[in-house]
Amino acid sequence: MRITYFTDDFERWDAYVKAHEAGTIYHTSAWKSIIETHFKKDTFYIAAWERDKLKGLLPLTHFKSALFGNFIVSVPFVNYGGILADSMEAMRALAAEAEKIRAQYGADFVELRDARLLEWELPVKTQKVTFYLDLPPTEEELMASFKAKLRSQIRRPMKEGITGEVGGLELVDAFYEVFCRNMRDLGTPVYSKNFFETILRQTPENSHIVLVKSKEGQTIGGAFLHGYKERMEIPWASTLREYNRFSPNMLLYWEVLRFSIARGYKQFDFGRCSRDSGTYRFKKQWGSVEHPLYWYYLLPEGAEMPQINPDNPKYRLAISMWQKMPLALTRMIGPPIVKNLP
């Protein structure tokens, strides 16, 4: 087994990702370009070979900041990543190389984000889950599969004159205004608008924006979508709280599901959440199936798994303070902070 580092000529890399059953858009070279272009992070795209045959690959991104520490993630900012390999031998060879990089850079850990339960001995977190919904050929069949209560909740915002719109780069401004407000209210630093613009420019065939608008034409909700292979995913979605009484989130997700079916996708990924949270219950009501996420760790001997997440009590005060900040200030100082949060 031979290990190499990809720095150019990624056609073979991307072909392997597309062919591998666990390959995601986040494993592709397009996402490498997004990370390097927007976040200016060092990346390591390593491959395992047997003679001249590609047997596995692993994309890694290095983080180092005074606020959050020194660590490596595959793949940051999203739900999926980790090792793609044809054999346990290739998987272990890639993990061993990642461990060498960790030691070389003095990083505290390597985090490998996966959706598979793998048969190896690495420490793993399983607190987060996603939900998958198999999509029928038509939206009529999907609507008919829902319970009466869910159908009623979807139609409620329609009766209030709320409508949907689908597009791309031209809808970024409207999506971002809603997204900024929602992230501030959650106490989370916001990505810059340029982050979403970069994704849309790098992956124009795979990335989409869906909006819902009030009868007056104001954008009151938005979703950012990634489609790859047969699955559509919704990594980011927001609605304005003052419109909650009209349930715009129900219509937003219905518009997203309709669009996914129209584009020929076979499965919908609702994105990660914590078990038994309000978001968890919202996603479950659509008839979707819970699927655990497995985040594996390469750690120095005796080290504990990291806790860089909003549930960590040490971030509680910062979250509370952020929720009280003026929106314009969060837009200004959020992007430099969030680029160091994986």
Protein backbone atom coordinates (compact mmCIF):
# COMPACT_ATOMS: atom_id res chain seq x y z
CA MET A 1 0.00 0.00 0.00
CA ARG A 2 1.46 3.34 -1.13
CA ILE A 3 0.37 6.79 0.12
CA THR A 4 0.44 9.93 -2.04
CA TYR A 5 -0.85 13.51 -1.75
CA PHE A 6 -3.10 14.96 -4.46
CA THR A 7 -2.35 18.57 -5.37
CA ASP A 8 -3.69 18.71 -8.93
CA ASP A 9 -5.24 16.57 -11.67
CA PHE A 10 -8.24 15.60 -9.53
CA GLU A 11 -10.23 13.81 -12.26
CA ARG A 12 -9.23 10.41 -10.89
CA TRP A 13 -9.97 11.51 -7.31
CA ASP A 14 -13.46 12.75 -8.22
CA ALA A 15 -14.20 9.61 -10.23
CA TYR A 16 -13.36 7.48 -7.18
CA VAL A 17 -15.65 9.59 -4.96
CA LYS A 18 -18.51 9.26 -7.45
CA ALA A 19 -18.07 5.49 -7.69
CA HIS A 20 -17.75 4.83 -3.94
CA GLU A 21 -21.08 4.12 -2.21
CA ALA A 22 -20.19 6.44 0.70
CA GLY A 23 -18.74 9.24 -1.44
CA THR A 24 -20.32 12.67 -0.89
CA ILE A 25 -19.97 16.04 -2.58
CA TYR A 26 -17.82 17.06 0.40
CA HIS A 27 -15.19 14.49 -0.56
CA THR A 28 -14.80 16.00 -4.03
CA SER A 29 -12.14 18.43 -5.21
CA ALA A 30 -14.83 21.11 -5.57
CA TRP A 31 -15.18 21.25 -1.80
CA LYS A 32 -11.38 21.42 -1.47
CA SER A 33 -11.49 24.51 -3.64
CA ILE A 34 -14.30 26.02 -1.55
CA ILE A 35 -12.36 25.54 1.71
CA GLU A 36 -9.11 26.89 0.31
CA THR A 37 -10.71 29.79 -1.60
CA HIS A 38 -13.02 31.03 1.13
CA PHE A 39 -11.47 29.96 4.44
CA LYS A 40 -7.77 30.00 3.42
CA LYS A 41 -7.15 26.73 5.27
CA ASP A 42 -4.36 24.22 4.66
CA THR A 43 -5.70 20.97 3.24
CA PHE A 44 -4.22 17.50 2.78
CA TYR A 45 -5.84 15.24 0.20
CA ILE A 46 -4.21 11.86 0.67
CA ALA A 47 -4.69 8.68 -1.34
CA ALA A 48 -3.86 5.01 -0.89
CA TRP A 49 -2.65 3.00 -3.89
CA GLU A 50 -2.03 -0.65 -4.60
CA ARG A 51 0.36 -0.66 -7.53
CA ASP A 52 -1.32 1.84 -9.89
CA LYS A 53 -4.88 1.30 -8.60
CA LEU A 54 -6.50 3.90 -6.34
CA LYS A 55 -7.77 2.04 -3.26
CA GLY A 56 -8.85 4.86 -0.93
CA LEU A 57 -8.75 8.55 -0.14
CA LEU A 58 -9.08 10.99 2.74
CA PRO A 59 -9.57 14.79 2.60
CA LEU A 60 -8.26 16.71 5.63
CA THR A 61 -8.37 20.37 6.71
CA HIS A 62 -6.11 21.90 9.37
CA PHE A 63 -7.42 24.43 11.92
CA LYS A 64 -5.32 26.48 14.30
CA SER A 65 -6.61 29.41 16.35
CA ALA A 66 -6.19 30.93 19.80
CA LEU A 67 -9.92 30.59 20.50
CA PHE A 68 -10.57 26.98 19.52
CA GLY A 69 -7.20 25.26 19.30
CA ASN A 70 -5.23 23.12 16.88
CA PHE A 71 -7.01 20.22 15.15
CA ILE A 72 -7.75 18.52 11.82
CA VAL A 73 -11.19 17.67 10.38
CA SER A 74 -12.60 15.62 7.50
CA VAL A 75 -14.67 17.45 6.34
CA PRO A 76 -15.29 20.72 8.23
CA PHE A 77 -18.43 22.89 8.19
CA VAL A 78 -20.60 19.97 6.96
CA ASN A 79 -21.95 16.62 8.14
CA TYR A 80 -19.94 14.16 6.09
CA GLY A 81 -16.34 13.29 5.30
CA GLY A 82 -13.92 10.70 6.56
CA ILE A 83 -12.14 7.88 4.79
CA LEU A 84 -13.35 6.28 1.57
CA ALA A 85 -11.60 2.96 0.94
CA ASP A 86 -11.95 -0.40 -0.78
CA SER A 87 -10.45 -2.38 2.09
CA MET A 88 -9.60 -2.22 5.78
CA GLU A 89 -5.93 -2.25 4.78
CA ALA A 90 -6.35 0.96 2.78
CA MET A 91 -8.45 2.51 5.54
CA ARG A 92 -5.80 1.82 8.17
CA ALA A 93 -3.05 3.13 5.88
CA LEU A 94 -4.91 6.42 5.41
CA ALA A 95 -5.63 6.69 9.15
CA ALA A 96 -1.94 6.09 9.89
CA GLU A 97 -0.98 8.90 7.49
CA ALA A 98 -3.54 11.23 9.10
CA GLU A 99 -2.00 10.42 12.48
CA LYS A 100 1.44 11.38 11.11
CA ILE A 101 0.03 14.72 9.96
CA ARG A 102 -1.58 15.26 13.38
CA ALA A 103 1.73 14.66 15.13
CA GLN A 104 3.68 16.78 12.65
CA TYR A 105 1.40 19.78 13.20
CA GLY A 106 0.99 19.24 16.92
CA ALA A 107 -2.78 18.97 16.51
CA ASP A 108 -4.94 17.79 19.42
CA PHE A 109 -7.05 15.43 17.31
CA VAL A 110 -8.23 14.36 13.87
CA GLU A 111 -12.02 14.23 13.46
CA LEU A 112 -13.44 11.95 10.74
CA ARG A 113 -17.12 12.65 10.06
CA ASP A 114 -18.98 9.65 8.69
CA ALA A 115 -22.44 8.17 8.32
CA ARG A 116 -21.25 4.56 8.62
CA LEU A 117 -20.59 2.29 11.57
CA LEU A 118 -17.09 1.07 10.77
CA GLU A 119 -15.48 -2.01 12.25
CA TRP A 120 -12.43 -0.46 13.83
CA GLU A 121 -11.33 0.57 17.28
CA LEU A 122 -11.30 4.38 17.04
CA PRO A 123 -13.18 6.46 19.66
CA VAL A 124 -16.49 7.64 18.23
CA LYS A 125 -19.29 10.12 18.99
CA THR A 126 -22.86 9.20 18.08
CA GLN A 127 -24.84 12.04 19.68
CA LYS A 128 -25.90 13.54 16.34
CA VAL A 129 -28.31 12.01 13.85
CA THR A 130 -29.82 12.84 10.50
CA PHE A 131 -33.04 11.72 8.85
CA TYR A 132 -33.43 10.20 5.37
CA LEU A 133 -36.69 10.26 3.44
CA ASP A 134 -37.09 8.06 0.37
CA LEU A 135 -38.76 10.12 -2.36
CA PRO A 136 -41.49 8.76 -4.65
CA PRO A 137 -41.58 9.65 -8.37
CA THR A 138 -44.17 12.42 -7.95
CA GLU A 139 -45.05 15.11 -5.44
CA GLU A 140 -48.66 13.90 -5.44
CA GLU A 141 -47.53 10.52 -4.14
CA LEU A 142 -45.42 12.19 -1.47
CA MET A 143 -48.28 14.40 -0.27
CA ALA A 144 -50.61 11.39 -0.17
CA SER A 145 -48.10 9.53 2.03
CA PHE A 146 -48.27 12.20 4.75
CA LYS A 147 -50.64 12.07 7.69
CA ALA A 148 -53.64 14.40 7.58
CA LYS A 149 -52.17 16.69 10.24
CA LEU A 150 -48.96 17.19 8.26
CA ARG A 151 -50.87 17.91 5.04
CA SER A 152 -52.92 20.52 6.91
CA GLN A 153 -49.74 22.15 8.29
CA ILE A 154 -48.28 22.39 4.79
CA ARG A 155 -51.44 23.99 3.38
CA ARG A 156 -51.78 26.53 6.19
CA PRO A 157 -49.10 28.94 4.96
CA MET A 158 -50.46 28.56 1.42
CA LYS A 159 -53.80 29.90 2.66
CA GLU A 160 -51.93 32.92 4.06
CA GLY A 161 -50.59 33.71 0.61
CA ILE A 162 -47.06 32.47 1.31
CA THR A 163 -45.32 31.23 -1.83
CA GLY A 164 -42.09 29.48 -2.78
CA GLU A 165 -39.26 30.32 -5.19
CA VAL A 166 -36.26 28.28 -6.36
CA GLY A 167 -33.02 29.60 -7.80
CA GLY A 168 -29.30 30.02 -7.35
CA LEU A 169 -26.85 32.88 -7.07
CA GLU A 170 -29.53 35.51 -7.73
CA LEU A 171 -31.28 34.53 -4.46
CA VAL A 172 -28.24 34.70 -2.17
CA ASP A 173 -28.98 38.18 -0.80
CA ALA A 174 -32.53 37.28 0.24
CA PHE A 175 -31.46 33.94 1.73
CA TYR A 176 -28.59 35.53 3.64
CA GLU A 177 -30.74 38.21 5.30
CA VAL A 178 -32.95 35.55 6.88
CA PHE A 179 -30.02 33.27 7.66
CA CYS A 180 -28.12 36.04 9.50
CA ARG A 181 -31.06 36.86 11.73
CA ASN A 182 -31.72 33.24 12.58
CA MET A 183 -28.08 32.51 13.43
CA ARG A 184 -27.90 35.59 15.67
CA ASP A 185 -31.05 34.46 17.49
CA LEU A 186 -29.49 31.01 18.00
CA GLY A 187 -26.32 32.60 19.41
CA THR A 188 -24.11 31.24 16.62
CA PRO A 189 -21.55 33.22 14.56
CA VAL A 190 -22.63 33.52 10.95
CA TYR A 191 -20.77 32.60 7.76
CA SER A 192 -20.14 35.43 5.33
CA LYS A 193 -22.39 35.81 2.32
CA ASN A 194 -19.36 35.12 0.14
CA PHE A 195 -19.21 31.56 1.53
CA PHE A 196 -22.55 30.71 -0.07
CA GLU A 197 -21.63 32.57 -3.25
CA THR A 198 -18.43 30.53 -3.47
CA ILE A 199 -20.34 27.24 -3.10
CA LEU A 200 -22.82 28.24 -5.82
CA ARG A 201 -20.04 29.25 -8.20
CA GLN A 202 -17.97 26.11 -7.55
CA THR A 203 -20.91 23.66 -7.72
CA PRO A 204 -23.61 25.37 -9.83
CA GLU A 205 -25.27 22.10 -10.89
CA ASN A 206 -25.42 20.74 -7.34
CA SER A 207 -26.36 23.77 -5.21
CA HIS A 208 -29.66 25.59 -4.98
CA ILE A 209 -31.59 28.09 -2.86
CA VAL A 210 -35.29 27.81 -2.00
CA LEU A 211 -37.15 30.79 -0.55
CA VAL A 212 -40.61 31.30 0.91
CA LYS A 213 -42.18 34.75 0.72
CA SER A 214 -45.09 36.46 2.45
CA LYS A 215 -48.06 37.65 0.42
CA GLU A 216 -46.41 41.11 0.51
CA GLY A 217 -43.34 39.66 -1.19
CA GLN A 218 -40.97 39.68 1.81
CA THR A 219 -38.60 36.75 2.13
CA ILE A 220 -39.45 35.02 5.41
CA GLY A 221 -37.57 31.74 4.99
CA GLY A 222 -34.76 30.19 3.01
CA ALA A 223 -32.97 26.90 2.49
CA PHE A 224 -29.61 26.08 0.93
CA LEU A 225 -29.45 22.70 -0.83
CA HIS A 226 -26.79 20.30 -2.07
CA GLY A 227 -27.63 17.50 -4.48
CA TYR A 228 -25.17 14.71 -5.26
CA LYS A 229 -25.73 11.31 -6.81
CA GLU A 230 -29.30 10.35 -5.85
CA ARG A 231 -29.61 12.36 -2.63
CA MET A 232 -30.59 15.96 -1.92
CA GLU A 233 -29.39 17.46 1.37
CA ILE A 234 -30.44 20.59 3.28
CA PRO A 235 -27.42 21.72 5.33
CA TRP A 236 -28.77 25.23 6.12
CA ALA A 237 -32.33 26.49 6.56
CA SER A 238 -33.92 29.42 8.40
CA THR A 239 -37.26 31.17 8.84
CA LEU A 240 -38.15 34.43 10.59
CA ARG A 241 -39.54 33.86 14.07
CA GLU A 242 -42.16 36.60 13.84
CA TYR A 243 -43.91 34.57 11.12
CA ASN A 244 -43.95 31.30 13.07
CA ARG A 245 -47.73 31.52 13.56
CA PHE A 246 -48.11 30.97 9.79
CA SER A 247 -45.79 27.89 9.77
CA PRO A 248 -43.56 29.09 6.89
CA ASN A 249 -41.07 26.32 7.73
CA MET A 250 -43.65 23.72 6.69
CA LEU A 251 -44.06 25.26 3.26
CA LEU A 252 -40.30 25.78 2.95
CA TYR A 253 -39.63 22.08 3.43
CA TRP A 254 -42.50 21.10 1.16
CA GLU A 255 -41.06 23.33 -1.60
CA VAL A 256 -37.65 21.75 -1.03
CA LEU A 257 -39.09 18.22 -1.29
CA ARG A 258 -41.09 19.12 -4.42
CA PHE A 259 -37.96 20.52 -6.05
CA SER A 260 -35.94 17.44 -5.10
CA ILE A 261 -38.47 15.16 -6.76
CA ALA A 262 -38.64 17.38 -9.85
CA ARG A 263 -34.84 17.14 -10.17
CA GLY A 264 -35.00 13.35 -10.03
CA TYR A 265 -33.48 12.75 -6.59
CA LYS A 266 -34.42 9.50 -4.88
CA GLN A 267 -33.71 10.41 -1.26
CA PHE A 268 -33.80 13.52 0.92
CA ASP A 269 -31.36 14.19 3.77
CA PHE A 270 -32.81 16.46 6.48
CA GLY A 271 -29.39 17.28 7.98
CA ARG A 272 -27.97 16.72 11.42
CA CYS A 273 -29.61 17.43 14.76
CA SER A 274 -29.48 16.28 18.38
CA ARG A 275 -31.74 13.46 19.52
CA ASP A 276 -35.01 14.50 21.16
CA SER A 277 -34.54 18.20 20.29
CA GLY A 278 -37.28 20.31 18.71
CA THR A 279 -35.48 20.05 15.38
CA TYR A 280 -35.36 16.27 15.78
CA ARG A 281 -39.14 16.09 16.23
CA PHE A 282 -39.72 18.44 13.30
CA LYS A 283 -37.70 16.25 10.93
CA LYS A 284 -39.19 13.00 12.18
CA GLN A 285 -42.79 14.09 11.46
CA TRP A 286 -42.17 13.93 7.69
CA GLY A 287 -42.04 10.13 7.81
CA SER A 288 -38.26 10.10 7.54
CA VAL A 289 -36.00 7.43 9.04
CA GLU A 290 -33.45 8.29 11.73
CA HIS A 291 -29.84 7.58 10.79
CA PRO A 292 -26.99 8.00 13.32
CA LEU A 293 -23.86 9.94 12.43
CA TYR A 294 -20.49 8.55 13.48
CA TRP A 295 -17.66 10.97 14.15
CA TYR A 296 -14.39 9.10 14.72
CA TYR A 297 -11.24 10.46 16.38
CA LEU A 298 -7.51 9.98 16.11
CA LEU A 299 -6.14 11.10 19.47
CA PRO A 300 -2.85 11.12 21.36
CA GLU A 301 -2.70 8.34 23.90
CA GLY A 302 -4.81 9.12 26.96
CA ALA A 303 -6.53 12.16 25.40
CA GLU A 304 -10.29 12.66 25.61
CA MET A 305 -12.63 13.39 22.71
CA PRO A 306 -13.07 17.14 22.09
CA GLN A 307 -16.21 19.12 22.95
CA ILE A 308 -16.23 22.02 20.48
CA ASN A 309 -20.00 22.41 20.17
CA PRO A 310 -22.84 24.68 21.41
CA ASP A 311 -23.85 22.11 24.04
CA ASN A 312 -20.56 22.59 25.89
CA PRO A 313 -21.32 24.63 29.06
CA LYS A 314 -18.16 26.72 28.63
CA TYR A 315 -19.73 28.36 25.54
CA ARG A 316 -23.07 29.12 27.22
CA LEU A 317 -22.20 32.71 28.23
CA ALA A 318 -20.78 33.51 24.80
CA ILE A 319 -23.95 32.21 23.13
CA SER A 320 -26.14 34.31 25.44
CA MET A 321 -24.11 37.44 24.70
CA TRP A 322 -24.20 36.80 20.96
CA GLN A 323 -28.00 36.59 20.97
CA LYS A 324 -28.14 40.15 22.33
CA MET A 325 -25.76 41.70 19.77
CA PRO A 326 -26.98 44.05 17.02
CA LEU A 327 -27.43 42.15 13.76
CA ALA A 328 -24.97 44.37 11.87
CA LEU A 329 -22.25 43.63 14.42
CA THR A 330 -22.74 39.87 14.18
CA ARG A 331 -22.43 40.12 10.39
CA MET A 332 -19.14 41.95 10.80
CA ILE A 333 -17.39 39.84 13.45
CA GLY A 334 -19.08 36.49 12.86
CA PRO A 335 -17.22 35.34 9.72
CA PRO A 336 -13.69 35.69 11.22
CA ILE A 337 -14.84 33.61 14.21
CA VAL A 338 -16.80 30.92 12.39
CA LYS A 339 -13.97 30.15 9.98
CA ASN A 340 -12.22 28.51 12.95
CA LEU A 341 -15.29 26.50 14.01
CA PRO A 342 -15.50 23.22 12.12
